[in-house]
Amino acid sequence: MNHRQVGPPVPLAVTMGCPAGIGPEIIVKALAGSTSPPAVVFGDKDILERACAFTGIGDITFEEWSPGQDISSSAPGKTIFVYPLTSLSPEEIIPGTPSATTGRASYKYLEAAIDLALEKKVSAIVTAPLSKTGLRLAGYRWPGHTEILAEKTQTRDFVMMMAGSKLVVTLVTIHVPLSQVPALLSKKRVLKTIEITYHAMKRDFGINRPKIAVCGLNPHAGEGGMFGMEETEIIGPACTEAIDHGIDVKGPLPPDTVFFQAANREFDAVVCQYHDQGLIPFKLLHFRDGVNVTIGLPIIRTSVDHGTAYDLAGTGLADPESLRSAMKLASKIHDNRSKNP
């Protein structure tokens, strides 16, 4: 028997990301007037207040939050709860300009959110964008959110997923030069990505028997070896072993047709061999509302599918739709995991 937690709902942690980017602005836009699940911003109150000025949002009260505090009775959309982890000077944080200060702040917000998620004092982490440049200027070696999350949660096997209402894709390789992709592919790596994708679709998305498609690497999925042998030697055997493990998977499939099939509900997710193979079709369909999900972690993490957009920082024009979608999906995944722990 499953024993569900009794008590007030545990809020989402929304990390502010780079204080000089669009994170603060999309956060206040997403939370102002919102009836979405209870959420706490891990960030800086003064920077958020400045974001309200940039966006023209008024009639908002900021309240400090402490771990364990129940915020479910607050008026949604009128109060934004903040876990104040920095006290930055708005005059010193220049919109569009990352620095060592913004890098340290970005890391501090994420680190605190990870700690409280592991302690189950927040239900999930939803991240606004941070800057790889800011992290580097602050002396951190990690290139971004995913690597920090993996190390801090001691997770070795994790996968980047992009999720939308029409298309879900996962990636075998991520941020590597295209020329290195063939050498990085292995049967073990492709199989692990298929398995993590399948279990995430089942547990986190509530699909009883997910249908997984796997892209080939080469045109026409290799055309029987005419255009490359990766399908025959690596991807095909990984799919066969996944089938032997009880996974409903089909592949390797020609990359030029599989996304049309998936967008028309023939598959629940598509495993892609490299970054642009999956993200070009995904962003064609979900440029505004796509969500980045790190699957395979012991905690829930969703994110916007865009960067810091420094060219828009301070203008009040940044679109919060991806953040709203990320918050909704994080809440959905939490609910599904609560039903099937």
C-alpha atoms as a PDB file:
ATOM      1  CA  MET A   1       0.000   0.000   0.000  1.00  0.00           C
ATOM      2  CA  ASN A   2       1.249   3.485  -0.889  1.00  0.00           C
ATOM      3  CA  HIS A   3       1.201   5.983   1.965  1.00  0.00           C
ATOM      4  CA  ARG A   4       0.821   9.464   0.578  1.00  0.00           C
ATOM      5  CA  GLN A   5       2.219  12.373   2.519  1.00  0.00           C
ATOM      6  CA  VAL A   6      -0.295  14.124   4.748  1.00  0.00           C
ATOM      7  CA  GLY A   7       0.123  17.857   5.226  1.00  0.00           C
ATOM      8  CA  PRO A   8       0.394  21.058   3.226  1.00  0.00           C
ATOM      9  CA  PRO A   9       1.695  20.812  -0.347  1.00  0.00           C
ATOM     10  CA  VAL A  10       5.429  21.178  -0.725  1.00  0.00           C
ATOM     11  CA  PRO A  11       6.235  24.054  -3.113  1.00  0.00           C
ATOM     12  CA  LEU A  12       8.232  24.048  -6.308  1.00  0.00           C
ATOM     13  CA  ALA A  13      11.664  25.669  -6.151  1.00  0.00           C
ATOM     14  CA  VAL A  14      12.117  28.123  -9.032  1.00  0.00           C
ATOM     15  CA  THR A  15      15.771  29.095  -9.287  1.00  0.00           C
ATOM     16  CA  MET A  16      16.383  32.630 -10.575  1.00  0.00           C
ATOM     17  CA  GLY A  17      19.318  31.753 -12.810  1.00  0.00           C
ATOM     18  CA  CYS A  18      21.603  34.578 -13.904  1.00  0.00           C
ATOM     19  CA  PRO A  19      20.509  37.829 -12.222  1.00  0.00           C
ATOM     20  CA  ALA A  20      21.653  39.744 -15.322  1.00  0.00           C
ATOM     21  CA  GLY A  21      19.613  37.603 -17.714  1.00  0.00           C
ATOM     22  CA  ILE A  22      15.892  37.333 -18.404  1.00  0.00           C
ATOM     23  CA  GLY A  23      15.305  34.865 -15.548  1.00  0.00           C
ATOM     24  CA  PRO A  24      14.005  37.434 -13.025  1.00  0.00           C
ATOM     25  CA  GLU A  25      11.667  38.961 -15.618  1.00  0.00           C
ATOM     26  CA  ILE A  26      10.104  35.720 -16.836  1.00  0.00           C
ATOM     27  CA  ILE A  27       9.705  34.583 -13.218  1.00  0.00           C
ATOM     28  CA  VAL A  28       7.695  37.626 -12.131  1.00  0.00           C
ATOM     29  CA  LYS A  29       5.651  37.423 -15.327  1.00  0.00           C
ATOM     30  CA  ALA A  30       4.923  33.724 -14.765  1.00  0.00           C
ATOM     31  CA  LEU A  31       4.008  34.133 -11.095  1.00  0.00           C
ATOM     32  CA  ALA A  32       2.078  37.418 -11.225  1.00  0.00           C
ATOM     33  CA  GLY A  33      -1.615  36.635 -11.476  1.00  0.00           C
ATOM     34  CA  SER A  34      -0.848  32.911 -11.585  1.00  0.00           C
ATOM     35  CA  THR A  35      -2.986  30.150 -10.108  1.00  0.00           C
ATOM     36  CA  SER A  36      -0.267  27.588 -10.786  1.00  0.00           C
ATOM     37  CA  PRO A  37       1.098  25.228  -8.080  1.00  0.00           C
ATOM     38  CA  PRO A  38       2.687  26.903  -5.022  1.00  0.00           C
ATOM     39  CA  ALA A  39       6.223  28.011  -5.855  1.00  0.00           C
ATOM     40  CA  VAL A  40       9.136  29.722  -4.148  1.00  0.00           C
ATOM     41  CA  VAL A  41      11.803  31.702  -5.980  1.00  0.00           C
ATOM     42  CA  PHE A  42      15.327  30.840  -4.917  1.00  0.00           C
ATOM     43  CA  GLY A  43      16.996  34.148  -5.647  1.00  0.00           C
ATOM     44  CA  ASP A  44      17.216  37.804  -4.747  1.00  0.00           C
ATOM     45  CA  LYS A  45      14.306  40.016  -3.676  1.00  0.00           C
ATOM     46  CA  ASP A  46      15.788  43.304  -4.908  1.00  0.00           C
ATOM     47  CA  ILE A  47      16.549  41.899  -8.351  1.00  0.00           C
ATOM     48  CA  LEU A  48      13.009  40.511  -8.604  1.00  0.00           C
ATOM     49  CA  GLU A  49      11.562  43.888  -7.611  1.00  0.00           C
ATOM     50  CA  ARG A  50      13.633  45.491 -10.360  1.00  0.00           C
ATOM     51  CA  ALA A  51      12.249  42.904 -12.783  1.00  0.00           C
ATOM     52  CA  CYS A  52       8.739  44.039 -11.853  1.00  0.00           C
ATOM     53  CA  ALA A  53       9.740  47.572 -12.795  1.00  0.00           C
ATOM     54  CA  PHE A  54      11.164  46.365 -16.128  1.00  0.00           C
ATOM     55  CA  THR A  55       7.979  44.457 -16.948  1.00  0.00           C
ATOM     56  CA  GLY A  56       5.483  46.972 -15.611  1.00  0.00           C
ATOM     57  CA  ILE A  57       4.051  44.512 -13.089  1.00  0.00           C
ATOM     58  CA  GLY A  58       2.535  46.116 -10.005  1.00  0.00           C
ATOM     59  CA  ASP A  59       0.369  45.075  -7.091  1.00  0.00           C
ATOM     60  CA  ILE A  60       2.756  42.272  -6.092  1.00  0.00           C
ATOM     61  CA  THR A  61       3.944  41.589  -2.560  1.00  0.00           C
ATOM     62  CA  PHE A  62       7.242  39.805  -1.923  1.00  0.00           C
ATOM     63  CA  GLU A  63       7.503  37.658   1.194  1.00  0.00           C
ATOM     64  CA  GLU A  64      10.499  35.783   2.534  1.00  0.00           C
ATOM     65  CA  TRP A  65      10.112  32.004   2.757  1.00  0.00           C
ATOM     66  CA  SER A  66      11.879  29.553   5.021  1.00  0.00           C
ATOM     67  CA  PRO A  67      12.073  25.773   4.443  1.00  0.00           C
ATOM     68  CA  GLY A  68       9.020  23.976   5.763  1.00  0.00           C
ATOM     69  CA  GLN A  69       6.786  27.050   5.626  1.00  0.00           C
ATOM     70  CA  ASP A  70       3.265  26.434   4.298  1.00  0.00           C
ATOM     71  CA  ILE A  71       2.381  28.877   1.523  1.00  0.00           C
ATOM     72  CA  SER A  72      -0.721  27.128   0.201  1.00  0.00           C
ATOM     73  CA  SER A  73      -3.120  29.588   1.836  1.00  0.00           C
ATOM     74  CA  SER A  74      -1.557  32.667   0.230  1.00  0.00           C
ATOM     75  CA  ALA A  75      -3.428  34.545  -2.480  1.00  0.00           C
ATOM     76  CA  PRO A  76      -2.114  33.148  -5.775  1.00  0.00           C
ATOM     77  CA  GLY A  77      -0.758  35.761  -8.111  1.00  0.00           C
ATOM     78  CA  LYS A  78      -0.615  38.480  -5.464  1.00  0.00           C
ATOM     79  CA  THR A  79       2.300  37.250  -3.359  1.00  0.00           C
ATOM     80  CA  ILE A  80       5.644  35.965  -4.613  1.00  0.00           C
ATOM     81  CA  PHE A  81       7.571  33.976  -2.013  1.00  0.00           C
ATOM     82  CA  VAL A  82      11.337  34.333  -2.117  1.00  0.00           C
ATOM     83  CA  TYR A  83      14.035  32.268  -0.462  1.00  0.00           C
ATOM     84  CA  PRO A  84      16.549  35.143  -0.225  1.00  0.00           C
ATOM     85  CA  LEU A  85      19.977  33.684  -0.872  1.00  0.00           C
ATOM     86  CA  THR A  86      21.761  36.844  -2.036  1.00  0.00           C
ATOM     87  CA  SER A  87      21.493  40.584  -1.418  1.00  0.00           C
ATOM     88  CA  LEU A  88      22.734  41.996  -4.698  1.00  0.00           C
ATOM     89  CA  SER A  89      22.831  45.654  -5.582  1.00  0.00           C
ATOM     90  CA  PRO A  90      20.605  46.271  -8.631  1.00  0.00           C
ATOM     91  CA  GLU A  91      22.897  49.151  -9.608  1.00  0.00           C
ATOM     92  CA  GLU A  92      25.847  46.752  -9.845  1.00  0.00           C
ATOM     93  CA  ILE A  93      24.020  44.009 -11.796  1.00  0.00           C
ATOM     94  CA  ILE A  94      23.887  45.284 -15.356  1.00  0.00           C
ATOM     95  CA  PRO A  95      21.218  43.599 -17.512  1.00  0.00           C
ATOM     96  CA  GLY A  96      22.870  41.608 -20.265  1.00  0.00           C
ATOM     97  CA  THR A  97      26.299  41.472 -18.610  1.00  0.00           C
ATOM     98  CA  PRO A  98      27.356  38.262 -16.813  1.00  0.00           C
ATOM     99  CA  SER A  99      30.074  38.509 -14.165  1.00  0.00           C
ATOM    100  CA  ALA A 100      31.739  36.541 -11.404  1.00  0.00           C
ATOM    101  CA  THR A 101      29.077  37.923  -9.036  1.00  0.00           C
ATOM    102  CA  THR A 102      26.175  36.699 -11.178  1.00  0.00           C
ATOM    103  CA  GLY A 103      27.892  33.338 -11.661  1.00  0.00           C
ATOM    104  CA  ARG A 104      28.306  32.816  -7.915  1.00  0.00           C
ATOM    105  CA  ALA A 105      24.717  33.835  -7.311  1.00  0.00           C
ATOM    106  CA  SER A 106      23.374  31.469 -10.005  1.00  0.00           C
ATOM    107  CA  TYR A 107      25.273  28.581  -8.467  1.00  0.00           C
ATOM    108  CA  LYS A 108      24.110  29.429  -4.952  1.00  0.00           C
ATOM    109  CA  TYR A 109      20.425  29.369  -5.978  1.00  0.00           C
ATOM    110  CA  LEU A 110      20.784  25.985  -7.660  1.00  0.00           C
ATOM    111  CA  GLU A 111      22.854  24.417  -4.882  1.00  0.00           C
ATOM    112  CA  ALA A 112      20.276  25.380  -2.251  1.00  0.00           C
ATOM    113  CA  ALA A 113      17.426  24.052  -4.371  1.00  0.00           C
ATOM    114  CA  ILE A 114      19.183  20.710  -4.886  1.00  0.00           C
ATOM    115  CA  ASP A 115      19.812  20.336  -1.142  1.00  0.00           C
ATOM    116  CA  LEU A 116      16.165  21.027  -0.266  1.00  0.00           C
ATOM    117  CA  ALA A 117      14.877  18.785  -3.060  1.00  0.00           C
ATOM    118  CA  LEU A 118      16.960  15.904  -1.713  1.00  0.00           C
ATOM    119  CA  GLU A 119      15.477  16.625   1.724  1.00  0.00           C
ATOM    120  CA  LYS A 120      11.979  16.701   0.129  1.00  0.00           C
ATOM    121  CA  LYS A 121      11.390  20.233   1.384  1.00  0.00           C
ATOM    122  CA  VAL A 122      10.623  21.303  -2.180  1.00  0.00           C
ATOM    123  CA  SER A 123       8.717  19.094  -4.590  1.00  0.00           C
ATOM    124  CA  ALA A 124      10.795  19.821  -7.701  1.00  0.00           C
ATOM    125  CA  ILE A 125      13.315  22.256  -9.161  1.00  0.00           C
ATOM    126  CA  VAL A 126      12.388  24.522 -12.058  1.00  0.00           C
ATOM    127  CA  THR A 127      15.392  26.413 -13.374  1.00  0.00           C
ATOM    128  CA  ALA A 128      15.563  29.757 -15.132  1.00  0.00           C
ATOM    129  CA  PRO A 129      18.610  30.092 -17.426  1.00  0.00           C
ATOM    130  CA  LEU A 130      22.106  30.644 -16.118  1.00  0.00           C
ATOM    131  CA  SER A 131      25.247  31.631 -17.969  1.00  0.00           C
ATOM    132  CA  LYS A 132      28.150  29.333 -18.730  1.00  0.00           C
ATOM    133  CA  THR A 133      30.287  32.484 -18.957  1.00  0.00           C
ATOM    134  CA  GLY A 134      29.158  33.625 -15.503  1.00  0.00           C
ATOM    135  CA  LEU A 135      29.959  30.223 -13.997  1.00  0.00           C
ATOM    136  CA  ARG A 136      33.406  30.267 -15.561  1.00  0.00           C
ATOM    137  CA  LEU A 137      34.105  33.821 -14.346  1.00  0.00           C
ATOM    138  CA  ALA A 138      33.118  32.694 -10.844  1.00  0.00           C
ATOM    139  CA  GLY A 139      35.629  29.850 -11.012  1.00  0.00           C
ATOM    140  CA  TYR A 140      33.215  26.928 -11.405  1.00  0.00           C
ATOM    141  CA  ARG A 141      34.219  24.097 -13.730  1.00  0.00           C
ATOM    142  CA  TRP A 142      30.695  22.926 -14.635  1.00  0.00           C
ATOM    143  CA  PRO A 143      29.374  24.054 -18.042  1.00  0.00           C
ATOM    144  CA  GLY A 144      25.758  24.263 -16.899  1.00  0.00           C
ATOM    145  CA  HIS A 145      22.804  23.107 -14.817  1.00  0.00           C
ATOM    146  CA  THR A 146      22.771  19.452 -15.868  1.00  0.00           C
ATOM    147  CA  GLU A 147      26.332  18.676 -14.858  1.00  0.00           C
ATOM    148  CA  ILE A 148      25.877  20.366 -11.465  1.00  0.00           C
ATOM    149  CA  LEU A 149      22.655  18.452 -10.830  1.00  0.00           C
ATOM    150  CA  ALA A 150      24.266  15.139 -11.767  1.00  0.00           C
ATOM    151  CA  GLU A 151      27.277  15.643  -9.499  1.00  0.00           C
ATOM    152  CA  LYS A 152      25.327  16.998  -6.535  1.00  0.00           C
ATOM    153  CA  THR A 153      22.824  14.114  -6.687  1.00  0.00           C
ATOM    154  CA  GLN A 154      25.567  11.539  -7.397  1.00  0.00           C
ATOM    155  CA  THR A 155      23.855  10.501 -10.622  1.00  0.00           C
ATOM    156  CA  ARG A 156      25.937   8.810 -13.305  1.00  0.00           C
ATOM    157  CA  ASP A 157      23.257   7.882 -15.840  1.00  0.00           C
ATOM    158  CA  PHE A 158      21.084  10.802 -16.867  1.00  0.00           C
ATOM    159  CA  VAL A 159      19.530  11.999 -20.107  1.00  0.00           C
ATOM    160  CA  MET A 160      18.472  15.353 -21.538  1.00  0.00           C
ATOM    161  CA  MET A 161      14.824  15.361 -22.599  1.00  0.00           C
ATOM    162  CA  MET A 162      12.876  18.064 -24.415  1.00  0.00           C
ATOM    163  CA  ALA A 163       9.155  17.729 -23.796  1.00  0.00           C
ATOM    164  CA  GLY A 164       6.149  19.316 -25.462  1.00  0.00           C
ATOM    165  CA  SER A 165       2.519  18.454 -26.103  1.00  0.00           C
ATOM    166  CA  LYS A 166       3.247  17.197 -29.640  1.00  0.00           C
ATOM    167  CA  LEU A 167       6.799  15.889 -29.421  1.00  0.00           C
ATOM    168  CA  VAL A 168       9.173  14.462 -26.808  1.00  0.00           C
ATOM    169  CA  VAL A 169      12.813  13.839 -27.679  1.00  0.00           C
ATOM    170  CA  THR A 170      15.835  12.570 -25.767  1.00  0.00           C
ATOM    171  CA  LEU A 171      19.498  12.736 -26.751  1.00  0.00           C
ATOM    172  CA  VAL A 172      22.214  10.080 -26.740  1.00  0.00           C
ATOM    173  CA  THR A 173      24.928  12.740 -27.133  1.00  0.00           C
ATOM    174  CA  ILE A 174      24.439  16.393 -26.225  1.00  0.00           C
ATOM    175  CA  HIS A 175      26.945  19.267 -26.403  1.00  0.00           C
ATOM    176  CA  VAL A 176      29.719  17.797 -28.513  1.00  0.00           C
ATOM    177  CA  PRO A 177      31.032  18.648 -31.986  1.00  0.00           C
ATOM    178  CA  LEU A 178      29.157  16.856 -34.741  1.00  0.00           C
ATOM    179  CA  SER A 179      32.422  15.339 -35.937  1.00  0.00           C
ATOM    180  CA  GLN A 180      32.780  13.481 -32.619  1.00  0.00           C
ATOM    181  CA  VAL A 181      29.299  11.962 -32.513  1.00  0.00           C
ATOM    182  CA  PRO A 182      30.008   8.676 -34.400  1.00  0.00           C
ATOM    183  CA  ALA A 183      32.940   7.827 -32.126  1.00  0.00           C
ATOM    184  CA  LEU A 184      30.867   8.544 -29.010  1.00  0.00           C
ATOM    185  CA  LEU A 185      28.043   6.208 -29.958  1.00  0.00           C
ATOM    186  CA  SER A 186      28.060   2.740 -28.444  1.00  0.00           C
ATOM    187  CA  LYS A 187      25.498   0.016 -27.984  1.00  0.00           C
ATOM    188  CA  LYS A 188      25.651   0.534 -24.213  1.00  0.00           C
ATOM    189  CA  ARG A 189      25.099   4.292 -24.484  1.00  0.00           C
ATOM    190  CA  VAL A 190      22.183   4.015 -26.903  1.00  0.00           C
ATOM    191  CA  LEU A 191      20.576   1.243 -24.829  1.00  0.00           C
ATOM    192  CA  LYS A 192      20.930   3.236 -21.611  1.00  0.00           C
ATOM    193  CA  THR A 193      19.261   6.241 -23.236  1.00  0.00           C
ATOM    194  CA  ILE A 194      16.382   4.068 -24.457  1.00  0.00           C
ATOM    195  CA  GLU A 195      15.923   2.550 -20.987  1.00  0.00           C
ATOM    196  CA  ILE A 196      16.017   5.876 -19.125  1.00  0.00           C
ATOM    197  CA  THR A 197      13.592   7.387 -21.655  1.00  0.00           C
ATOM    198  CA  TYR A 198      11.190   4.449 -21.335  1.00  0.00           C
ATOM    199  CA  HIS A 199      11.130   4.503 -17.537  1.00  0.00           C
ATOM    200  CA  ALA A 200      10.697   8.287 -17.428  1.00  0.00           C
ATOM    201  CA  MET A 201       7.754   8.145 -19.837  1.00  0.00           C
ATOM    202  CA  LYS A 202       6.197   5.448 -17.678  1.00  0.00           C
ATOM    203  CA  ARG A 203       6.831   6.867 -14.206  1.00  0.00           C
ATOM    204  CA  ASP A 204       6.939  10.610 -14.797  1.00  0.00           C
ATOM    205  CA  PHE A 205       4.477  10.970 -17.668  1.00  0.00           C
ATOM    206  CA  GLY A 206       2.049   8.246 -16.571  1.00  0.00           C
ATOM    207  CA  ILE A 207       2.098   6.268 -19.831  1.00  0.00           C
ATOM    208  CA  ASN A 208       1.566   2.592 -19.031  1.00  0.00           C
ATOM    209  CA  ARG A 209       3.427   1.175 -22.038  1.00  0.00           C
ATOM    210  CA  PRO A 210       5.362   3.911 -23.824  1.00  0.00           C
ATOM    211  CA  LYS A 211       6.179   3.524 -27.505  1.00  0.00           C
ATOM    212  CA  ILE A 212       9.760   4.620 -28.158  1.00  0.00           C
ATOM    213  CA  ALA A 213      11.251   5.436 -31.571  1.00  0.00           C
ATOM    214  CA  VAL A 214      15.007   5.465 -32.140  1.00  0.00           C
ATOM    215  CA  CYS A 215      16.593   7.568 -34.882  1.00  0.00           C
ATOM    216  CA  GLY A 216      19.330   6.303 -37.083  1.00  0.00           C
ATOM    217  CA  LEU A 217      22.459   8.419 -37.346  1.00  0.00           C
ATOM    218  CA  ASN A 218      22.815   8.497 -41.114  1.00  0.00           C
ATOM    219  CA  PRO A 219      20.498   9.442 -44.000  1.00  0.00           C
ATOM    220  CA  HIS A 220      17.793   6.811 -44.531  1.00  0.00           C
ATOM    221  CA  ALA A 221      19.042   5.123 -41.320  1.00  0.00           C
ATOM    222  CA  GLY A 222      22.099   3.949 -43.223  1.00  0.00           C
ATOM    223  CA  GLU A 223      20.208   2.320 -46.128  1.00  0.00           C
ATOM    224  CA  GLY A 224      21.468  -1.139 -45.204  1.00  0.00           C
ATOM    225  CA  GLY A 225      25.041   0.011 -44.750  1.00  0.00           C
ATOM    226  CA  MET A 226      25.233   2.084 -47.943  1.00  0.00           C
ATOM    227  CA  PHE A 227      25.453   5.371 -46.007  1.00  0.00           C
ATOM    228  CA  GLY A 228      27.091   4.178 -42.800  1.00  0.00           C
ATOM    229  CA  MET A 229      27.359   1.189 -40.481  1.00  0.00           C
ATOM    230  CA  GLU A 230      26.325   2.732 -37.127  1.00  0.00           C
ATOM    231  CA  GLU A 231      22.743   1.523 -37.535  1.00  0.00           C
ATOM    232  CA  THR A 232      23.799  -2.065 -38.188  1.00  0.00           C
ATOM    233  CA  GLU A 233      26.627  -2.278 -35.684  1.00  0.00           C
ATOM    234  CA  ILE A 234      25.430  -0.063 -32.790  1.00  0.00           C
ATOM    235  CA  ILE A 235      21.908   1.342 -32.889  1.00  0.00           C
ATOM    236  CA  GLY A 236      20.112  -1.740 -34.212  1.00  0.00           C
ATOM    237  CA  PRO A 237      21.635  -4.121 -31.637  1.00  0.00           C
ATOM    238  CA  ALA A 238      20.757  -1.647 -28.846  1.00  0.00           C
ATOM    239  CA  CYS A 239      17.128  -1.624 -30.016  1.00  0.00           C
ATOM    240  CA  THR A 240      17.075  -5.437 -30.169  1.00  0.00           C
ATOM    241  CA  GLU A 241      18.356  -5.712 -26.597  1.00  0.00           C
ATOM    242  CA  ALA A 242      15.821  -3.133 -25.415  1.00  0.00           C
ATOM    243  CA  ILE A 243      13.047  -5.240 -26.962  1.00  0.00           C
ATOM    244  CA  ASP A 244      14.453  -8.269 -25.135  1.00  0.00           C
ATOM    245  CA  HIS A 245      14.099  -6.219 -21.912  1.00  0.00           C
ATOM    246  CA  GLY A 246      10.393  -5.717 -22.589  1.00  0.00           C
ATOM    247  CA  ILE A 247      10.574  -2.193 -24.006  1.00  0.00           C
ATOM    248  CA  ASP A 248       8.259  -1.266 -26.876  1.00  0.00           C
ATOM    249  CA  VAL A 249      10.879   0.270 -29.172  1.00  0.00           C
ATOM    250  CA  LYS A 250      11.242   0.596 -32.923  1.00  0.00           C
ATOM    251  CA  GLY A 251      14.402   1.527 -34.741  1.00  0.00           C
ATOM    252  CA  PRO A 252      16.717   2.575 -36.115  1.00  0.00           C
ATOM    253  CA  LEU A 253      14.287   4.680 -38.129  1.00  0.00           C
ATOM    254  CA  PRO A 254      15.052   7.251 -40.848  1.00  0.00           C
ATOM    255  CA  PRO A 255      15.450  10.635 -39.132  1.00  0.00           C
ATOM    256  CA  ASP A 256      13.662  12.458 -41.968  1.00  0.00           C
ATOM    257  CA  THR A 257      10.310  10.745 -41.273  1.00  0.00           C
ATOM    258  CA  VAL A 258      10.276   9.704 -37.619  1.00  0.00           C
ATOM    259  CA  PHE A 259       9.422  13.129 -36.196  1.00  0.00           C
ATOM    260  CA  PHE A 260       6.338  13.413 -38.408  1.00  0.00           C
ATOM    261  CA  GLN A 261       5.213  10.029 -37.093  1.00  0.00           C
ATOM    262  CA  ALA A 262       5.885  10.993 -33.481  1.00  0.00           C
ATOM    263  CA  ALA A 263       4.075  14.333 -33.821  1.00  0.00           C
ATOM    264  CA  ASN A 264       1.086  12.332 -35.091  1.00  0.00           C
ATOM    265  CA  ARG A 265       1.022  10.159 -31.939  1.00  0.00           C
ATOM    266  CA  GLU A 266       2.611   7.024 -33.391  1.00  0.00           C
ATOM    267  CA  PHE A 267       5.346   7.251 -30.746  1.00  0.00           C
ATOM    268  CA  ASP A 268       5.489   8.732 -27.244  1.00  0.00           C
ATOM    269  CA  ALA A 269       9.160   9.719 -27.456  1.00  0.00           C
ATOM    270  CA  VAL A 270      12.020   9.774 -29.955  1.00  0.00           C
ATOM    271  CA  VAL A 271      15.589   8.869 -28.974  1.00  0.00           C
ATOM    272  CA  CYS A 272      17.975  11.003 -31.067  1.00  0.00           C
ATOM    273  CA  GLN A 273      21.661  10.425 -31.655  1.00  0.00           C
ATOM    274  CA  TYR A 274      22.863  14.028 -31.457  1.00  0.00           C
ATOM    275  CA  HIS A 275      21.779  17.496 -30.338  1.00  0.00           C
ATOM    276  CA  ASP A 276      20.445  19.133 -33.478  1.00  0.00           C
ATOM    277  CA  GLN A 277      18.838  15.947 -34.770  1.00  0.00           C
ATOM    278  CA  GLY A 278      16.329  16.244 -31.937  1.00  0.00           C
ATOM    279  CA  LEU A 279      16.226  19.944 -31.167  1.00  0.00           C
ATOM    280  CA  ILE A 280      15.595  21.285 -34.669  1.00  0.00           C
ATOM    281  CA  PRO A 281      12.259  19.461 -35.097  1.00  0.00           C
ATOM    282  CA  PHE A 282      11.400  19.993 -31.447  1.00  0.00           C
ATOM    283  CA  LYS A 283      11.859  23.758 -31.537  1.00  0.00           C
ATOM    284  CA  LEU A 284      10.001  23.957 -34.832  1.00  0.00           C
ATOM    285  CA  LEU A 285       6.957  22.675 -32.937  1.00  0.00           C
ATOM    286  CA  HIS A 286       7.640  24.005 -29.422  1.00  0.00           C
ATOM    287  CA  PHE A 287       9.686  27.171 -29.739  1.00  0.00           C
ATOM    288  CA  ARG A 288       7.619  29.001 -27.086  1.00  0.00           C
ATOM    289  CA  ASP A 289       6.415  26.239 -24.774  1.00  0.00           C
ATOM    290  CA  GLY A 290       9.130  23.575 -24.819  1.00  0.00           C
ATOM    291  CA  VAL A 291      10.480  22.202 -21.551  1.00  0.00           C
ATOM    292  CA  ASN A 292      13.933  20.818 -20.812  1.00  0.00           C
ATOM    293  CA  VAL A 293      13.779  17.857 -18.387  1.00  0.00           C
ATOM    294  CA  THR A 294      16.758  16.078 -16.858  1.00  0.00           C
ATOM    295  CA  ILE A 295      15.637  12.460 -16.509  1.00  0.00           C
ATOM    296  CA  GLY A 296      17.387   9.787 -14.487  1.00  0.00           C
ATOM    297  CA  LEU A 297      17.883  12.019 -11.422  1.00  0.00           C
ATOM    298  CA  PRO A 298      16.522  11.110  -7.965  1.00  0.00           C
ATOM    299  CA  ILE A 299      14.877  14.562  -7.884  1.00  0.00           C
ATOM    300  CA  ILE A 300      12.642  16.328 -10.404  1.00  0.00           C
ATOM    301  CA  ARG A 301      14.201  19.041 -12.538  1.00  0.00           C
ATOM    302  CA  THR A 302      12.567  20.907 -15.391  1.00  0.00           C
ATOM    303  CA  SER A 303      13.776  24.040 -17.108  1.00  0.00           C
ATOM    304  CA  VAL A 304      13.037  26.556 -19.796  1.00  0.00           C
ATOM    305  CA  ASP A 305      14.340  25.485 -23.202  1.00  0.00           C
ATOM    306  CA  HIS A 306      16.117  28.776 -23.892  1.00  0.00           C
ATOM    307  CA  GLY A 307      19.131  30.689 -22.636  1.00  0.00           C
ATOM    308  CA  THR A 308      19.724  33.904 -20.742  1.00  0.00           C
ATOM    309  CA  ALA A 309      18.748  36.038 -23.776  1.00  0.00           C
ATOM    310  CA  TYR A 310      20.999  38.894 -22.673  1.00  0.00           C
ATOM    311  CA  ASP A 311      19.835  40.981 -25.634  1.00  0.00           C
ATOM    312  CA  LEU A 312      16.337  41.062 -24.069  1.00  0.00           C
ATOM    313  CA  ALA A 313      17.398  41.459 -20.428  1.00  0.00           C
ATOM    314  CA  GLY A 314      16.050  44.650 -18.925  1.00  0.00           C
ATOM    315  CA  THR A 315      13.544  45.293 -21.731  1.00  0.00           C
ATOM    316  CA  GLY A 316      10.578  43.546 -20.107  1.00  0.00           C
ATOM    317  CA  LEU A 317       9.843  41.778 -23.429  1.00  0.00           C
ATOM    318  CA  ALA A 318      10.960  38.228 -22.564  1.00  0.00           C
ATOM    319  CA  ASP A 319       8.322  35.526 -23.051  1.00  0.00           C
ATOM    320  CA  PRO A 320       7.516  33.498 -19.880  1.00  0.00           C
ATOM    321  CA  GLU A 321       5.621  30.716 -21.669  1.00  0.00           C
ATOM    322  CA  SER A 322       8.424  28.134 -21.477  1.00  0.00           C
ATOM    323  CA  LEU A 323       8.786  28.777 -17.730  1.00  0.00           C
ATOM    324  CA  ARG A 324       5.040  28.386 -17.199  1.00  0.00           C
ATOM    325  CA  SER A 325       5.178  25.080 -19.094  1.00  0.00           C
ATOM    326  CA  ALA A 326       8.188  23.943 -17.054  1.00  0.00           C
ATOM    327  CA  MET A 327       6.345  24.640 -13.801  1.00  0.00           C
ATOM    328  CA  LYS A 328       3.230  22.769 -14.945  1.00  0.00           C
ATOM    329  CA  LEU A 329       5.270  19.776 -16.083  1.00  0.00           C
ATOM    330  CA  ALA A 330       7.278  19.675 -12.837  1.00  0.00           C
ATOM    331  CA  SER A 331       4.024  19.588 -10.881  1.00  0.00           C
ATOM    332  CA  LYS A 332       2.634  16.859 -13.155  1.00  0.00           C
ATOM    333  CA  ILE A 333       5.750  14.715 -12.738  1.00  0.00           C
ATOM    334  CA  HIS A 334       5.590  15.160  -8.958  1.00  0.00           C
ATOM    335  CA  ASP A 335       1.950  14.048  -8.938  1.00  0.00           C
ATOM    336  CA  ASN A 336       2.725  11.016 -11.089  1.00  0.00           C
ATOM    337  CA  ARG A 337       5.648  10.002  -8.887  1.00  0.00           C
ATOM    338  CA  SER A 338       3.452  10.371  -5.804  1.00  0.00           C
ATOM    339  CA  LYS A 339       1.020   7.864  -7.313  1.00  0.00           C
ATOM    340  CA  ASN A 340       3.801   5.482  -8.349  1.00  0.00           C
ATOM    341  CA  PRO A 341       6.733   5.958  -5.958  1.00  0.00           C
END
